Amino acid sequence: MRILTFLAKSFAWQPFSQTLTQAPAAEPGSMTQVVVAFIQVEAKDEADEKRAFRHLLKHLKWLANKNDLRNIVLHSFTHLGGQNASADFAESLLQNMAQRLRNTGYQVEITPFGWFCSWQIDVMGQSLAKVYKEI
């Protein structure tokens, strides 16, 4: 798994074009004071889902808590390199992650899975506002 995170004053997305035929209709959305996580789920994560899930959860909570943020956006982003996991596995992992975070008090949105989206992002300036991590 590869993760590119941003601390953002605001993040908005607008569905642009459908990339998976089975993807449902998509709506635009936005959040403020948010951790935005661009996540590439890789094929190797399918072999060790528990480890990948645990490390992603820990990273997102650490970054959010360190910056007193309770909002998180998860965005499937298959452009960070490596070999992609299957779409079904990646979507399931993101849905499970969102639910786990919600259960611990975070507000979580997932950008439309199976869609390219346009974005508007206002990234904060501190050093931890832009973090890349490979799991």
N, C-alpha and C. Protein backbone atom coordinates (compact mmCIF):
# COMPACT_ATOMS: atom_id res chain seq x y z
N MET A 1 0.84 -1.17 0.00
CA MET A 1 0.00 0.00 0.00
C MET A 1 0.89 1.23 0.00
N ARG A 2 0.44 2.21 -0.75
CA ARG A 2 1.11 3.50 -0.79
C ARG A 2 0.09 4.57 -0.47
N ILE A 3 0.51 5.52 0.36
CA ILE A 3 -0.42 6.52 0.87
C ILE A 3 0.22 7.90 0.73
N LEU A 4 -0.49 8.82 0.13
CA LEU A 4 -0.09 10.21 0.07
C LEU A 4 -1.16 10.99 0.82
N THR A 5 -0.77 11.61 1.93
CA THR A 5 -1.76 12.32 2.75
C THR A 5 -1.48 13.82 2.74
N PHE A 6 -2.56 14.55 2.86
CA PHE A 6 -2.50 16.01 2.95
C PHE A 6 -3.36 16.46 4.12
N LEU A 7 -2.87 17.43 4.87
CA LEU A 7 -3.71 18.13 5.83
C LEU A 7 -4.27 19.32 5.07
N ALA A 8 -5.58 19.42 5.02
CA ALA A 8 -6.19 20.45 4.18
C ALA A 8 -7.21 21.28 4.95
N LYS A 9 -7.18 22.57 4.64
CA LYS A 9 -8.22 23.46 5.17
C LYS A 9 -9.55 23.08 4.54
N SER A 10 -9.49 22.68 3.27
CA SER A 10 -10.69 22.22 2.58
C SER A 10 -10.30 21.28 1.44
N PHE A 11 -11.20 20.36 1.15
CA PHE A 11 -11.03 19.43 0.04
C PHE A 11 -12.41 19.19 -0.55
N ALA A 12 -12.52 19.35 -1.86
CA ALA A 12 -13.79 19.11 -2.55
C ALA A 12 -13.51 18.25 -3.78
N TRP A 13 -14.48 17.41 -4.12
CA TRP A 13 -14.33 16.55 -5.29
C TRP A 13 -15.62 16.60 -6.11
N GLN A 14 -15.42 16.43 -7.41
CA GLN A 14 -16.52 16.42 -8.37
C GLN A 14 -16.30 15.25 -9.31
N PRO A 15 -17.21 14.27 -9.36
CA PRO A 15 -17.03 13.16 -10.31
C PRO A 15 -16.89 13.70 -11.74
N PHE A 16 -15.93 13.10 -12.46
CA PHE A 16 -15.63 13.57 -13.80
C PHE A 16 -15.95 12.52 -14.85
N SER A 17 -15.37 11.30 -14.69
CA SER A 17 -15.67 10.23 -15.64
C SER A 17 -15.60 8.88 -14.93
N GLN A 18 -16.52 8.03 -15.31
CA GLN A 18 -16.61 6.70 -14.71
C GLN A 18 -15.50 5.80 -15.26
N THR A 19 -14.79 5.10 -14.34
CA THR A 19 -13.70 4.22 -14.77
C THR A 19 -14.04 2.75 -14.60
N LEU A 20 -15.01 2.43 -13.77
CA LEU A 20 -15.46 1.05 -13.59
C LEU A 20 -16.92 0.97 -13.97
N THR A 21 -17.26 0.06 -14.87
CA THR A 21 -18.64 -0.02 -15.36
C THR A 21 -19.64 -0.32 -14.25
N GLN A 22 -19.22 -1.05 -13.21
CA GLN A 22 -20.15 -1.40 -12.14
C GLN A 22 -20.25 -0.31 -11.07
N ALA A 23 -19.51 0.78 -11.21
CA ALA A 23 -19.55 1.86 -10.21
C ALA A 23 -20.92 2.53 -10.22
N PRO A 24 -21.46 2.76 -9.02
CA PRO A 24 -22.77 3.42 -8.96
C PRO A 24 -22.65 4.90 -9.31
N ALA A 25 -23.78 5.54 -9.49
CA ALA A 25 -23.80 6.98 -9.74
C ALA A 25 -23.04 7.68 -8.62
N ALA A 26 -22.43 8.80 -8.94
CA ALA A 26 -21.55 9.47 -7.98
C ALA A 26 -22.01 10.90 -7.75
N GLU A 27 -21.77 11.36 -6.54
CA GLU A 27 -22.12 12.72 -6.14
C GLU A 27 -20.87 13.49 -5.74
N PRO A 28 -20.87 14.80 -5.92
CA PRO A 28 -19.76 15.60 -5.43
C PRO A 28 -19.81 15.69 -3.91
N GLY A 29 -18.72 16.14 -3.33
CA GLY A 29 -18.69 16.29 -1.88
C GLY A 29 -17.55 17.18 -1.46
N SER A 30 -17.51 17.48 -0.17
CA SER A 30 -16.43 18.30 0.37
C SER A 30 -16.34 18.11 1.88
N MET A 31 -15.17 18.46 2.42
CA MET A 31 -14.94 18.48 3.86
C MET A 31 -13.95 19.60 4.16
N THR A 32 -14.00 20.09 5.38
CA THR A 32 -13.04 21.10 5.82
C THR A 32 -12.27 20.57 7.01
N GLN A 33 -11.10 21.17 7.26
CA GLN A 33 -10.22 20.75 8.36
C GLN A 33 -10.10 19.23 8.35
N VAL A 34 -9.40 18.73 7.34
CA VAL A 34 -9.48 17.31 6.98
C VAL A 34 -8.12 16.71 6.65
N VAL A 35 -7.96 15.44 6.98
CA VAL A 35 -6.87 14.62 6.48
C VAL A 35 -7.37 13.99 5.18
N VAL A 36 -6.69 14.27 4.09
CA VAL A 36 -7.05 13.69 2.79
C VAL A 36 -6.02 12.60 2.49
N ALA A 37 -6.50 11.39 2.30
CA ALA A 37 -5.61 10.25 2.06
C ALA A 37 -5.82 9.70 0.66
N PHE A 38 -4.82 9.85 -0.19
CA PHE A 38 -4.80 9.24 -1.51
C PHE A 38 -4.15 7.88 -1.30
N ILE A 39 -4.90 6.81 -1.54
CA ILE A 39 -4.47 5.47 -1.16
C ILE A 39 -4.41 4.57 -2.39
N GLN A 40 -3.25 3.96 -2.59
CA GLN A 40 -3.13 2.92 -3.61
C GLN A 40 -3.03 1.59 -2.89
N VAL A 41 -4.09 0.80 -3.00
CA VAL A 41 -4.08 -0.55 -2.44
C VAL A 41 -3.40 -1.44 -3.47
N GLU A 42 -2.40 -2.21 -3.01
CA GLU A 42 -1.60 -3.01 -3.92
C GLU A 42 -1.95 -4.50 -3.81
N ALA A 43 -1.56 -5.24 -4.81
CA ALA A 43 -1.83 -6.68 -4.85
C ALA A 43 -1.27 -7.38 -3.62
N LYS A 44 -0.09 -6.97 -3.15
CA LYS A 44 0.51 -7.62 -1.98
C LYS A 44 -0.34 -7.43 -0.72
N ASP A 45 -1.18 -6.40 -0.68
CA ASP A 45 -2.05 -6.17 0.47
C ASP A 45 -3.14 -7.23 0.57
N GLU A 46 -3.51 -7.81 -0.54
CA GLU A 46 -4.52 -8.87 -0.53
C GLU A 46 -4.02 -10.10 0.21
N ALA A 47 -2.72 -10.34 0.15
CA ALA A 47 -2.13 -11.50 0.83
C ALA A 47 -2.00 -11.28 2.33
N ASP A 48 -1.97 -10.02 2.78
CA ASP A 48 -1.81 -9.72 4.20
C ASP A 48 -2.70 -8.52 4.56
N GLU A 49 -4.00 -8.73 4.40
CA GLU A 49 -4.97 -7.65 4.59
C GLU A 49 -4.93 -7.08 6.00
N LYS A 50 -4.83 -7.94 7.00
CA LYS A 50 -4.85 -7.46 8.38
C LYS A 50 -3.70 -6.50 8.66
N ARG A 51 -2.52 -6.84 8.17
CA ARG A 51 -1.35 -5.98 8.37
C ARG A 51 -1.54 -4.64 7.66
N ALA A 52 -1.94 -4.67 6.41
CA ALA A 52 -2.14 -3.45 5.64
C ALA A 52 -3.19 -2.56 6.30
N PHE A 53 -4.30 -3.17 6.72
CA PHE A 53 -5.39 -2.44 7.36
C PHE A 53 -4.90 -1.78 8.65
N ARG A 54 -4.20 -2.54 9.47
CA ARG A 54 -3.72 -2.05 10.76
C ARG A 54 -2.76 -0.87 10.58
N HIS A 55 -1.84 -0.98 9.63
CA HIS A 55 -0.87 0.10 9.41
C HIS A 55 -1.53 1.35 8.84
N LEU A 56 -2.49 1.17 7.94
CA LEU A 56 -3.21 2.32 7.40
C LEU A 56 -4.01 3.01 8.51
N LEU A 57 -4.72 2.24 9.30
CA LEU A 57 -5.50 2.79 10.40
C LEU A 57 -4.61 3.58 11.36
N LYS A 58 -3.50 2.99 11.73
CA LYS A 58 -2.57 3.64 12.66
C LYS A 58 -2.04 4.96 12.08
N HIS A 59 -1.67 4.94 10.79
CA HIS A 59 -1.13 6.13 10.15
C HIS A 59 -2.18 7.25 10.10
N LEU A 60 -3.39 6.93 9.69
CA LEU A 60 -4.44 7.95 9.57
C LEU A 60 -4.79 8.54 10.93
N LYS A 61 -4.93 7.70 11.94
CA LYS A 61 -5.28 8.19 13.27
C LYS A 61 -4.13 9.02 13.86
N TRP A 62 -2.89 8.58 13.65
CA TRP A 62 -1.75 9.34 14.14
C TRP A 62 -1.72 10.74 13.54
N LEU A 63 -1.88 10.82 12.22
CA LEU A 63 -1.82 12.10 11.53
C LEU A 63 -2.98 13.01 11.96
N ALA A 64 -4.17 12.44 12.04
CA ALA A 64 -5.33 13.23 12.45
C ALA A 64 -5.18 13.72 13.90
N ASN A 65 -4.81 12.83 14.79
CA ASN A 65 -4.71 13.19 16.20
C ASN A 65 -3.59 14.19 16.45
N LYS A 66 -2.48 14.04 15.75
CA LYS A 66 -1.35 14.95 15.91
C LYS A 66 -1.74 16.38 15.55
N ASN A 67 -2.74 16.52 14.69
CA ASN A 67 -3.16 17.83 14.20
C ASN A 67 -4.57 18.21 14.64
N ASP A 68 -5.10 17.50 15.63
CA ASP A 68 -6.43 17.78 16.19
C ASP A 68 -7.51 17.84 15.11
N LEU A 69 -7.47 16.89 14.18
CA LEU A 69 -8.47 16.82 13.11
C LEU A 69 -9.35 15.59 13.32
N ARG A 70 -10.63 15.72 13.07
CA ARG A 70 -11.56 14.60 13.21
C ARG A 70 -12.21 14.22 11.88
N ASN A 71 -11.84 14.90 10.80
CA ASN A 71 -12.40 14.64 9.48
C ASN A 71 -11.35 13.97 8.60
N ILE A 72 -11.77 12.93 7.88
CA ILE A 72 -10.87 12.19 7.00
C ILE A 72 -11.59 11.87 5.69
N VAL A 73 -10.90 12.08 4.58
CA VAL A 73 -11.39 11.67 3.26
C VAL A 73 -10.47 10.57 2.74
N LEU A 74 -11.05 9.47 2.31
CA LEU A 74 -10.32 8.37 1.70
C LEU A 74 -10.56 8.42 0.19
N HIS A 75 -9.48 8.42 -0.55
CA HIS A 75 -9.59 8.49 -2.01
C HIS A 75 -8.73 7.40 -2.64
N SER A 76 -9.34 6.51 -3.38
CA SER A 76 -8.59 5.48 -4.09
C SER A 76 -7.79 6.14 -5.20
N PHE A 77 -6.47 5.94 -5.17
CA PHE A 77 -5.59 6.63 -6.10
C PHE A 77 -4.57 5.63 -6.61
N THR A 78 -4.80 5.08 -7.78
CA THR A 78 -3.97 3.99 -8.30
C THR A 78 -2.79 4.50 -9.13
N HIS A 79 -2.28 5.67 -8.79
CA HIS A 79 -1.23 6.29 -9.60
C HIS A 79 0.07 6.50 -8.82
N LEU A 80 0.26 5.79 -7.71
CA LEU A 80 1.46 5.98 -6.91
C LEU A 80 2.54 4.96 -7.21
N GLY A 81 2.30 4.07 -8.16
CA GLY A 81 3.27 3.05 -8.54
C GLY A 81 2.90 1.71 -7.95
N GLY A 82 3.64 0.69 -8.29
CA GLY A 82 3.33 -0.64 -7.77
C GLY A 82 2.21 -1.31 -8.55
N GLN A 83 1.88 -2.51 -8.10
CA GLN A 83 0.85 -3.31 -8.77
C GLN A 83 -0.46 -3.18 -8.00
N ASN A 84 -1.50 -2.77 -8.67
CA ASN A 84 -2.78 -2.54 -8.02
C ASN A 84 -3.43 -3.83 -7.53
N ALA A 85 -4.15 -3.72 -6.43
CA ALA A 85 -5.02 -4.80 -5.97
C ALA A 85 -6.24 -4.84 -6.87
N SER A 86 -7.04 -5.87 -6.74
CA SER A 86 -8.30 -5.92 -7.49
C SER A 86 -9.20 -4.79 -6.99
N ALA A 87 -10.05 -4.32 -7.88
CA ALA A 87 -10.95 -3.22 -7.52
C ALA A 87 -11.87 -3.61 -6.36
N ASP A 88 -12.38 -4.85 -6.37
CA ASP A 88 -13.27 -5.29 -5.29
C ASP A 88 -12.57 -5.27 -3.94
N PHE A 89 -11.32 -5.74 -3.91
CA PHE A 89 -10.57 -5.75 -2.66
C PHE A 89 -10.30 -4.33 -2.18
N ALA A 90 -9.85 -3.47 -3.08
CA ALA A 90 -9.53 -2.09 -2.71
C ALA A 90 -10.75 -1.36 -2.18
N GLU A 91 -11.88 -1.52 -2.85
CA GLU A 91 -13.11 -0.86 -2.40
C GLU A 91 -13.53 -1.38 -1.03
N SER A 92 -13.46 -2.68 -0.84
CA SER A 92 -13.82 -3.28 0.44
C SER A 92 -12.92 -2.77 1.57
N LEU A 93 -11.62 -2.69 1.31
CA LEU A 93 -10.70 -2.20 2.32
C LEU A 93 -11.03 -0.75 2.70
N LEU A 94 -11.32 0.09 1.72
CA LEU A 94 -11.65 1.48 2.01
C LEU A 94 -12.97 1.58 2.79
N GLN A 95 -13.96 0.79 2.42
CA GLN A 95 -15.24 0.80 3.14
C GLN A 95 -15.05 0.35 4.58
N ASN A 96 -14.28 -0.71 4.78
CA ASN A 96 -14.02 -1.21 6.13
C ASN A 96 -13.23 -0.19 6.96
N MET A 97 -12.28 0.48 6.32
CA MET A 97 -11.50 1.50 7.01
C MET A 97 -12.39 2.66 7.44
N ALA A 98 -13.25 3.10 6.54
CA ALA A 98 -14.16 4.19 6.86
C ALA A 98 -15.04 3.83 8.06
N GLN A 99 -15.57 2.62 8.06
CA GLN A 99 -16.44 2.21 9.16
C GLN A 99 -15.67 2.13 10.48
N ARG A 100 -14.47 1.60 10.43
CA ARG A 100 -13.64 1.50 11.64
C ARG A 100 -13.34 2.89 12.21
N LEU A 101 -13.00 3.82 11.34
CA LEU A 101 -12.72 5.18 11.78
C LEU A 101 -13.98 5.86 12.34
N ARG A 102 -15.10 5.66 11.68
CA ARG A 102 -16.37 6.23 12.18
C ARG A 102 -16.70 5.69 13.57
N ASN A 103 -16.42 4.40 13.78
CA ASN A 103 -16.71 3.78 15.07
C ASN A 103 -15.87 4.38 16.20
N THR A 104 -14.79 5.06 15.86
CA THR A 104 -13.93 5.66 16.88
C THR A 104 -14.04 7.19 16.87
N GLY A 105 -15.11 7.73 16.28
CA GLY A 105 -15.40 9.14 16.42
C GLY A 105 -14.97 10.06 15.30
N TYR A 106 -14.48 9.52 14.21
CA TYR A 106 -14.08 10.35 13.08
C TYR A 106 -15.24 10.51 12.11
N GLN A 107 -15.27 11.64 11.42
CA GLN A 107 -16.19 11.85 10.30
C GLN A 107 -15.41 11.46 9.05
N VAL A 108 -15.95 10.52 8.28
CA VAL A 108 -15.20 9.97 7.15
C VAL A 108 -16.06 10.00 5.89
N GLU A 109 -15.44 10.43 4.81
CA GLU A 109 -16.05 10.36 3.48
C GLU A 109 -15.12 9.56 2.57
N ILE A 110 -15.70 8.87 1.63
CA ILE A 110 -14.94 8.20 0.58
C ILE A 110 -15.35 8.83 -0.73
N THR A 111 -14.36 9.27 -1.50
CA THR A 111 -14.70 9.81 -2.81
C THR A 111 -15.28 8.69 -3.67
N PRO A 112 -16.04 9.02 -4.69
CA PRO A 112 -16.68 7.98 -5.50
C PRO A 112 -15.67 6.97 -6.07
N PHE A 113 -15.83 5.73 -5.67
CA PHE A 113 -14.95 4.66 -6.14
C PHE A 113 -15.35 4.29 -7.55
N GLY A 114 -14.36 4.15 -8.42
CA GLY A 114 -14.64 3.82 -9.82
C GLY A 114 -14.89 5.03 -10.67
N TRP A 115 -14.49 6.20 -10.18
CA TRP A 115 -14.64 7.45 -10.92
C TRP A 115 -13.34 8.26 -10.85
N PHE A 116 -13.01 8.92 -11.95
CA PHE A 116 -12.02 9.99 -11.88
C PHE A 116 -12.77 11.21 -11.38
N CYS A 117 -12.12 11.97 -10.54
CA CYS A 117 -12.74 13.17 -9.98
C CYS A 117 -11.82 14.37 -10.18
N SER A 118 -12.42 15.53 -10.30
CA SER A 118 -11.64 16.75 -10.19
C SER A 118 -11.62 17.12 -8.72
N TRP A 119 -10.59 17.86 -8.30
CA TRP A 119 -10.44 18.21 -6.88
C TRP A 119 -10.17 19.69 -6.73
N GLN A 120 -10.55 20.18 -5.59
CA GLN A 120 -10.11 21.49 -5.11
C GLN A 120 -9.57 21.22 -3.73
N ILE A 121 -8.29 21.58 -3.51
CA ILE A 121 -7.66 21.30 -2.23
C ILE A 121 -6.87 22.51 -1.78
N ASP A 122 -7.05 22.84 -0.51
CA ASP A 122 -6.31 23.94 0.12
C ASP A 122 -5.46 23.31 1.21
N VAL A 123 -4.22 22.98 0.87
CA VAL A 123 -3.32 22.26 1.77
C VAL A 123 -2.68 23.23 2.76
N MET A 124 -2.60 22.78 4.00
CA MET A 124 -1.95 23.58 5.05
C MET A 124 -0.45 23.64 4.77
N GLY A 125 0.27 24.47 5.53
CA GLY A 125 1.66 24.73 5.23
C GLY A 125 2.70 23.96 6.03
N GLN A 126 2.35 23.43 7.18
CA GLN A 126 3.36 22.78 8.02
C GLN A 126 3.93 21.53 7.36
N SER A 127 5.06 21.07 7.89
CA SER A 127 5.78 19.96 7.25
C SER A 127 4.95 18.69 7.19
N LEU A 128 4.16 18.39 8.19
CA LEU A 128 3.34 17.18 8.16
C LEU A 128 2.09 17.31 7.30
N ALA A 129 1.94 18.43 6.64
CA ALA A 129 0.76 18.62 5.79
C ALA A 129 0.84 17.83 4.50
N LYS A 130 2.03 17.28 4.22
CA LYS A 130 2.23 16.48 3.01
C LYS A 130 3.10 15.30 3.40
N VAL A 131 2.51 14.11 3.47
CA VAL A 131 3.25 12.93 3.93
C VAL A 131 3.00 11.77 2.97
N TYR A 132 4.10 11.14 2.54
CA TYR A 132 4.02 9.93 1.73
C TYR A 132 4.48 8.75 2.60
N LYS A 133 3.77 7.66 2.52
CA LYS A 133 4.15 6.47 3.29
C LYS A 133 3.90 5.23 2.45
N GLU A 134 4.83 4.31 2.53
CA GLU A 134 4.67 3.02 1.86
C GLU A 134 4.59 1.94 2.92
N ILE A 135 3.55 1.11 2.84
CA ILE A 135 3.36 0.02 3.81
C ILE A 135 3.70 -1.28 3.13
